[in-house]
Amino acid sequence: MGENVAQILIADDDYAYLSSFANGLEAFGHSVTGVNRADRVLPKLMDKHFDIVFLDVIMNGGGAITYLHKLRESHPDLPIVIISGMPDIVDSPLYTLGLRRANARLHKRISLEDLNAVITELTHD
């Protein structure tokens, strides 16, 4: 816990993944809020401070493809990490070039330790 604790917002429509993601990060001491639609991210950001946002690429209500630019416009300094469990998307130009405004782009299979390291890197100077 301590100084490395982050306020994390996760947007993912896969309930099992969202729950596992949240539980894993809470085990590291982070505070996690989850939403199942990307169009719920901006209202959450208006209600509460978050240190970092994770966006699934494809979700009901729009995913990272739709909301990354909106989030960049409204919160230019907020670290945004794009996540996907689909190997064909992770290896595509859309992921590497089209979503380049994200601070990081990760596969959902990343280990919790590596995920925590990304969070620490992006939320602490």
N, C-alpha and C. Protein backbone atom coordinates (compact mmCIF):
# COMPACT_ATOMS: atom_id res chain seq x y z
N MET A 1 0.84 -1.18 0.00
CA MET A 1 0.00 0.00 0.00
C MET A 1 0.88 1.24 0.00
N GLY A 2 0.46 2.29 0.72
CA GLY A 2 1.32 3.46 0.82
C GLY A 2 1.26 4.34 -0.41
N GLU A 3 2.41 4.89 -0.77
CA GLU A 3 2.47 5.90 -1.82
C GLU A 3 2.17 5.37 -3.21
N ASN A 4 2.24 4.07 -3.43
CA ASN A 4 2.02 3.51 -4.75
C ASN A 4 0.55 3.19 -5.03
N VAL A 5 -0.34 3.53 -4.10
CA VAL A 5 -1.76 3.26 -4.29
C VAL A 5 -2.32 4.23 -5.33
N ALA A 6 -3.08 3.68 -6.28
CA ALA A 6 -3.68 4.50 -7.33
C ALA A 6 -5.20 4.35 -7.31
N GLN A 7 -5.87 5.42 -7.74
CA GLN A 7 -7.32 5.40 -7.96
C GLN A 7 -7.49 5.00 -9.43
N ILE A 8 -8.07 3.83 -9.67
CA ILE A 8 -8.12 3.25 -11.02
C ILE A 8 -9.57 3.13 -11.48
N LEU A 9 -9.81 3.52 -12.73
CA LEU A 9 -11.11 3.34 -13.37
C LEU A 9 -10.92 2.38 -14.53
N ILE A 10 -11.71 1.30 -14.54
CA ILE A 10 -11.63 0.29 -15.59
C ILE A 10 -12.96 0.23 -16.32
N ALA A 11 -12.91 0.30 -17.65
CA ALA A 11 -14.11 0.15 -18.48
C ALA A 11 -13.94 -1.12 -19.32
N ASP A 12 -14.76 -2.12 -19.03
CA ASP A 12 -14.70 -3.39 -19.75
C ASP A 12 -16.06 -4.07 -19.63
N ASP A 13 -16.59 -4.57 -20.74
CA ASP A 13 -17.90 -5.21 -20.70
C ASP A 13 -17.85 -6.71 -20.42
N ASP A 14 -16.68 -7.25 -20.19
CA ASP A 14 -16.53 -8.65 -19.79
C ASP A 14 -16.53 -8.68 -18.26
N TYR A 15 -17.67 -9.04 -17.68
CA TYR A 15 -17.83 -8.97 -16.22
C TYR A 15 -16.81 -9.82 -15.47
N ALA A 16 -16.53 -11.01 -15.97
CA ALA A 16 -15.57 -11.89 -15.29
C ALA A 16 -14.18 -11.25 -15.28
N TYR A 17 -13.77 -10.69 -16.43
CA TYR A 17 -12.46 -10.05 -16.49
C TYR A 17 -12.43 -8.80 -15.61
N LEU A 18 -13.48 -8.00 -15.66
CA LEU A 18 -13.55 -6.79 -14.87
C LEU A 18 -13.42 -7.11 -13.38
N SER A 19 -14.12 -8.13 -12.94
CA SER A 19 -14.06 -8.54 -11.54
C SER A 19 -12.67 -9.04 -11.15
N SER A 20 -12.07 -9.88 -11.99
CA SER A 20 -10.73 -10.39 -11.72
C SER A 20 -9.70 -9.27 -11.73
N PHE A 21 -9.80 -8.39 -12.71
CA PHE A 21 -8.90 -7.24 -12.84
C PHE A 21 -8.98 -6.41 -11.56
N ALA A 22 -10.20 -6.06 -11.14
CA ALA A 22 -10.39 -5.23 -9.95
C ALA A 22 -9.85 -5.92 -8.70
N ASN A 23 -10.19 -7.20 -8.52
CA ASN A 23 -9.73 -7.93 -7.34
C ASN A 23 -8.21 -8.02 -7.30
N GLY A 24 -7.59 -8.27 -8.45
CA GLY A 24 -6.14 -8.37 -8.51
C GLY A 24 -5.46 -7.07 -8.15
N LEU A 25 -5.98 -5.96 -8.68
CA LEU A 25 -5.37 -4.66 -8.40
C LEU A 25 -5.65 -4.20 -6.97
N GLU A 26 -6.81 -4.56 -6.44
CA GLU A 26 -7.10 -4.23 -5.04
C GLU A 26 -6.16 -4.98 -4.10
N ALA A 27 -5.72 -6.18 -4.51
CA ALA A 27 -4.75 -6.93 -3.70
C ALA A 27 -3.42 -6.19 -3.60
N PHE A 28 -3.13 -5.34 -4.58
CA PHE A 28 -1.92 -4.51 -4.54
C PHE A 28 -2.16 -3.22 -3.75
N GLY A 29 -3.40 -3.03 -3.27
CA GLY A 29 -3.72 -1.85 -2.48
C GLY A 29 -4.37 -0.72 -3.23
N HIS A 30 -4.60 -0.92 -4.53
CA HIS A 30 -5.23 0.13 -5.33
C HIS A 30 -6.73 0.18 -5.05
N SER A 31 -7.31 1.34 -5.33
CA SER A 31 -8.75 1.51 -5.26
C SER A 31 -9.28 1.44 -6.69
N VAL A 32 -10.22 0.52 -6.95
CA VAL A 32 -10.67 0.26 -8.31
C VAL A 32 -12.17 0.48 -8.44
N THR A 33 -12.55 1.21 -9.47
CA THR A 33 -13.95 1.39 -9.85
C THR A 33 -14.10 0.82 -11.25
N GLY A 34 -15.13 0.02 -11.45
CA GLY A 34 -15.36 -0.57 -12.76
C GLY A 34 -16.67 -0.12 -13.36
N VAL A 35 -16.66 0.04 -14.67
CA VAL A 35 -17.88 0.32 -15.43
C VAL A 35 -17.90 -0.64 -16.62
N ASN A 36 -19.09 -0.97 -17.08
CA ASN A 36 -19.19 -1.96 -18.17
C ASN A 36 -19.44 -1.34 -19.53
N ARG A 37 -19.38 -0.01 -19.61
CA ARG A 37 -19.55 0.69 -20.88
C ARG A 37 -18.62 1.90 -20.88
N ALA A 38 -18.00 2.16 -22.02
CA ALA A 38 -17.09 3.30 -22.13
C ALA A 38 -17.82 4.63 -21.98
N ASP A 39 -19.10 4.68 -22.36
CA ASP A 39 -19.82 5.94 -22.25
C ASP A 39 -20.13 6.30 -20.80
N ARG A 40 -19.75 5.44 -19.87
CA ARG A 40 -19.90 5.74 -18.43
C ARG A 40 -18.60 6.28 -17.83
N VAL A 41 -17.53 6.32 -18.62
CA VAL A 41 -16.24 6.78 -18.11
C VAL A 41 -16.26 8.28 -17.83
N LEU A 42 -16.65 9.08 -18.78
CA LEU A 42 -16.64 10.54 -18.58
C LEU A 42 -17.49 10.96 -17.38
N PRO A 43 -18.71 10.44 -17.21
CA PRO A 43 -19.47 10.82 -16.01
C PRO A 43 -18.75 10.42 -14.72
N LYS A 44 -18.09 9.28 -14.70
CA LYS A 44 -17.33 8.87 -13.50
C LYS A 44 -16.18 9.83 -13.24
N LEU A 45 -15.52 10.27 -14.31
CA LEU A 45 -14.40 11.20 -14.16
C LEU A 45 -14.86 12.56 -13.65
N MET A 46 -16.11 12.90 -13.89
CA MET A 46 -16.65 14.16 -13.38
C MET A 46 -16.99 14.05 -11.89
N ASP A 47 -17.29 12.82 -11.43
CA ASP A 47 -17.69 12.59 -10.04
C ASP A 47 -16.52 12.39 -9.09
N LYS A 48 -15.39 11.86 -9.61
CA LYS A 48 -14.31 11.43 -8.73
C LYS A 48 -12.97 11.55 -9.46
N HIS A 49 -11.91 11.78 -8.69
CA HIS A 49 -10.56 11.81 -9.26
C HIS A 49 -10.05 10.39 -9.46
N PHE A 50 -9.48 10.14 -10.63
CA PHE A 50 -8.81 8.87 -10.91
C PHE A 50 -7.40 9.18 -11.39
N ASP A 51 -6.47 8.30 -11.04
CA ASP A 51 -5.08 8.45 -11.44
C ASP A 51 -4.79 7.84 -12.80
N ILE A 52 -5.63 6.88 -13.20
CA ILE A 52 -5.40 6.15 -14.45
C ILE A 52 -6.71 5.50 -14.89
N VAL A 53 -6.88 5.39 -16.21
CA VAL A 53 -8.07 4.75 -16.78
C VAL A 53 -7.64 3.63 -17.71
N PHE A 54 -8.32 2.49 -17.60
CA PHE A 54 -8.14 1.37 -18.52
C PHE A 54 -9.40 1.26 -19.36
N LEU A 55 -9.22 1.18 -20.69
CA LEU A 55 -10.35 1.08 -21.62
C LEU A 55 -10.19 -0.17 -22.48
N ASP A 56 -11.23 -0.99 -22.51
CA ASP A 56 -11.26 -2.11 -23.45
C ASP A 56 -11.44 -1.54 -24.85
N VAL A 57 -10.88 -2.20 -25.84
CA VAL A 57 -10.95 -1.70 -27.21
C VAL A 57 -12.38 -1.72 -27.74
N ILE A 58 -13.07 -2.83 -27.56
CA ILE A 58 -14.41 -2.98 -28.12
C ILE A 58 -15.38 -3.33 -26.99
N MET A 59 -16.40 -2.48 -26.84
CA MET A 59 -17.42 -2.69 -25.81
C MET A 59 -18.77 -2.20 -26.31
N ASN A 60 -19.82 -2.67 -25.65
CA ASN A 60 -21.14 -2.10 -25.90
C ASN A 60 -21.10 -0.63 -25.51
N GLY A 61 -21.73 0.20 -26.28
CA GLY A 61 -21.73 1.63 -25.98
C GLY A 61 -20.47 2.34 -26.46
N GLY A 62 -19.62 1.64 -27.17
CA GLY A 62 -18.37 2.22 -27.65
C GLY A 62 -17.22 1.87 -26.74
N GLY A 63 -16.08 1.64 -27.32
CA GLY A 63 -14.88 1.31 -26.55
C GLY A 63 -13.81 2.34 -26.78
N ALA A 64 -12.58 1.90 -26.66
CA ALA A 64 -11.44 2.80 -26.80
C ALA A 64 -11.40 3.49 -28.15
N ILE A 65 -11.84 2.79 -29.17
CA ILE A 65 -11.81 3.37 -30.51
C ILE A 65 -12.65 4.64 -30.54
N THR A 66 -13.77 4.64 -29.84
CA THR A 66 -14.66 5.79 -29.80
C THR A 66 -14.26 6.82 -28.75
N TYR A 67 -13.84 6.35 -27.57
CA TYR A 67 -13.69 7.26 -26.42
C TYR A 67 -12.28 7.74 -26.12
N LEU A 68 -11.26 7.16 -26.70
CA LEU A 68 -9.90 7.59 -26.41
C LEU A 68 -9.72 9.09 -26.71
N HIS A 69 -10.16 9.53 -27.87
CA HIS A 69 -9.98 10.93 -28.25
C HIS A 69 -10.82 11.86 -27.38
N LYS A 70 -12.02 11.45 -27.02
CA LYS A 70 -12.86 12.26 -26.13
C LYS A 70 -12.20 12.43 -24.78
N LEU A 71 -11.62 11.34 -24.27
CA LEU A 71 -10.95 11.42 -22.97
C LEU A 71 -9.70 12.29 -23.05
N ARG A 72 -8.97 12.20 -24.14
CA ARG A 72 -7.77 13.03 -24.32
C ARG A 72 -8.13 14.51 -24.35
N GLU A 73 -9.26 14.83 -24.98
CA GLU A 73 -9.69 16.22 -25.05
C GLU A 73 -10.09 16.76 -23.68
N SER A 74 -10.82 15.97 -22.91
CA SER A 74 -11.32 16.44 -21.62
C SER A 74 -10.32 16.27 -20.48
N HIS A 75 -9.42 15.30 -20.60
CA HIS A 75 -8.45 15.00 -19.54
C HIS A 75 -7.08 14.74 -20.18
N PRO A 76 -6.44 15.77 -20.71
CA PRO A 76 -5.21 15.57 -21.49
C PRO A 76 -4.04 14.94 -20.74
N ASP A 77 -4.01 15.09 -19.42
CA ASP A 77 -2.88 14.56 -18.65
C ASP A 77 -3.17 13.23 -17.96
N LEU A 78 -4.38 12.73 -18.09
CA LEU A 78 -4.76 11.49 -17.44
C LEU A 78 -4.16 10.30 -18.18
N PRO A 79 -3.40 9.44 -17.50
CA PRO A 79 -2.89 8.24 -18.16
C PRO A 79 -4.05 7.33 -18.58
N ILE A 80 -4.02 6.91 -19.84
CA ILE A 80 -5.04 6.02 -20.39
C ILE A 80 -4.33 4.80 -20.96
N VAL A 81 -4.80 3.62 -20.54
CA VAL A 81 -4.23 2.36 -21.01
C VAL A 81 -5.32 1.61 -21.74
N ILE A 82 -5.02 1.18 -22.95
CA ILE A 82 -5.95 0.41 -23.76
C ILE A 82 -5.66 -1.07 -23.53
N ILE A 83 -6.74 -1.84 -23.34
CA ILE A 83 -6.59 -3.28 -23.12
C ILE A 83 -7.44 -4.05 -24.12
N SER A 84 -6.96 -5.22 -24.49
CA SER A 84 -7.73 -6.10 -25.37
C SER A 84 -7.30 -7.54 -25.13
N GLY A 85 -8.25 -8.42 -25.25
CA GLY A 85 -7.96 -9.84 -25.14
C GLY A 85 -7.95 -10.52 -26.49
N MET A 86 -8.11 -9.74 -27.55
CA MET A 86 -8.21 -10.31 -28.89
C MET A 86 -6.86 -10.19 -29.60
N PRO A 87 -6.16 -11.31 -29.79
CA PRO A 87 -4.82 -11.25 -30.41
C PRO A 87 -4.80 -10.58 -31.78
N ASP A 88 -5.85 -10.75 -32.58
CA ASP A 88 -5.85 -10.13 -33.91
C ASP A 88 -5.93 -8.61 -33.82
N ILE A 89 -6.53 -8.09 -32.76
CA ILE A 89 -6.57 -6.63 -32.57
C ILE A 89 -5.24 -6.13 -32.01
N VAL A 90 -4.69 -6.84 -31.03
CA VAL A 90 -3.43 -6.42 -30.39
C VAL A 90 -2.30 -6.29 -31.41
N ASP A 91 -2.30 -7.14 -32.42
CA ASP A 91 -1.25 -7.12 -33.43
C ASP A 91 -1.58 -6.25 -34.64
N SER A 92 -2.70 -5.55 -34.62
CA SER A 92 -3.14 -4.80 -35.80
C SER A 92 -2.61 -3.36 -35.80
N PRO A 93 -2.55 -2.74 -36.98
CA PRO A 93 -2.18 -1.31 -37.07
C PRO A 93 -3.16 -0.42 -36.31
N LEU A 94 -4.42 -0.82 -36.24
CA LEU A 94 -5.40 -0.04 -35.48
C LEU A 94 -4.92 0.12 -34.04
N TYR A 95 -4.46 -0.96 -33.45
CA TYR A 95 -4.04 -0.97 -32.06
C TYR A 95 -2.75 -0.17 -31.87
N THR A 96 -1.79 -0.39 -32.74
CA THR A 96 -0.48 0.24 -32.57
C THR A 96 -0.44 1.69 -33.06
N LEU A 97 -1.18 2.00 -34.13
CA LEU A 97 -1.16 3.35 -34.69
C LEU A 97 -2.42 4.14 -34.39
N GLY A 98 -3.57 3.52 -34.58
CA GLY A 98 -4.83 4.22 -34.39
C GLY A 98 -5.09 4.61 -32.95
N LEU A 99 -4.54 3.86 -32.01
CA LEU A 99 -4.75 4.14 -30.60
C LEU A 99 -3.47 4.66 -29.94
N ARG A 100 -2.63 5.33 -30.73
CA ARG A 100 -1.33 5.78 -30.23
C ARG A 100 -1.43 6.90 -29.20
N ARG A 101 -2.59 7.53 -29.06
CA ARG A 101 -2.75 8.58 -28.05
C ARG A 101 -2.87 8.00 -26.64
N ALA A 102 -2.96 6.67 -26.55
CA ALA A 102 -2.97 6.02 -25.24
C ALA A 102 -1.54 6.00 -24.70
N ASN A 103 -1.43 5.98 -23.38
CA ASN A 103 -0.11 5.90 -22.75
C ASN A 103 0.48 4.50 -22.87
N ALA A 104 -0.39 3.51 -22.96
CA ALA A 104 0.07 2.12 -23.11
C ALA A 104 -1.06 1.32 -23.74
N ARG A 105 -0.68 0.23 -24.40
CA ARG A 105 -1.63 -0.69 -25.01
C ARG A 105 -1.21 -2.09 -24.56
N LEU A 106 -2.11 -2.78 -23.85
CA LEU A 106 -1.76 -4.05 -23.24
C LEU A 106 -2.71 -5.17 -23.65
N HIS A 107 -2.18 -6.37 -23.62
CA HIS A 107 -3.00 -7.57 -23.80
C HIS A 107 -3.57 -7.93 -22.43
N LYS A 108 -4.79 -8.39 -22.40
CA LYS A 108 -5.42 -8.75 -21.13
C LYS A 108 -4.70 -9.88 -20.39
N ARG A 109 -3.86 -10.60 -21.08
CA ARG A 109 -3.14 -11.70 -20.43
C ARG A 109 -1.92 -11.24 -19.63
N ILE A 110 -1.68 -9.94 -19.54
CA ILE A 110 -0.54 -9.43 -18.79
C ILE A 110 -0.64 -9.90 -17.33
N SER A 111 0.48 -10.20 -16.73
CA SER A 111 0.47 -10.64 -15.33
C SER A 111 0.12 -9.47 -14.43
N LEU A 112 -0.42 -9.77 -13.26
CA LEU A 112 -0.77 -8.71 -12.32
C LEU A 112 0.46 -7.92 -11.89
N GLU A 113 1.59 -8.58 -11.75
CA GLU A 113 2.82 -7.89 -11.36
C GLU A 113 3.23 -6.89 -12.45
N ASP A 114 3.17 -7.31 -13.71
CA ASP A 114 3.52 -6.42 -14.80
C ASP A 114 2.50 -5.29 -14.94
N LEU A 115 1.24 -5.60 -14.72
CA LEU A 115 0.19 -4.59 -14.76
C LEU A 115 0.41 -3.56 -13.66
N ASN A 116 0.73 -4.02 -12.46
CA ASN A 116 1.01 -3.11 -11.36
C ASN A 116 2.22 -2.22 -11.67
N ALA A 117 3.22 -2.78 -12.33
CA ALA A 117 4.40 -2.00 -12.71
C ALA A 117 4.02 -0.90 -13.70
N VAL A 118 3.13 -1.19 -14.65
CA VAL A 118 2.66 -0.19 -15.61
C VAL A 118 1.92 0.92 -14.87
N ILE A 119 1.06 0.55 -13.93
CA ILE A 119 0.31 1.52 -13.16
C ILE A 119 1.26 2.42 -12.39
N THR A 120 2.23 1.84 -11.72
CA THR A 120 3.20 2.62 -10.95
C THR A 120 3.98 3.56 -11.84
N GLU A 121 4.41 3.06 -13.00
CA GLU A 121 5.18 3.90 -13.93
C GLU A 121 4.36 5.09 -14.44
N LEU A 122 3.09 4.85 -14.76
CA LEU A 122 2.28 5.90 -15.36
C LEU A 122 1.67 6.88 -14.34
N THR A 123 1.59 6.47 -13.08
CA THR A 123 0.94 7.33 -12.10
C THR A 123 1.91 8.02 -11.14
N HIS A 124 3.18 7.69 -11.20
CA HIS A 124 4.17 8.30 -10.31
C HIS A 124 5.33 8.84 -11.13
N ASP A 125 5.67 10.06 -10.88
CA ASP A 125 6.77 10.69 -11.64
C ASP A 125 8.12 10.15 -11.23
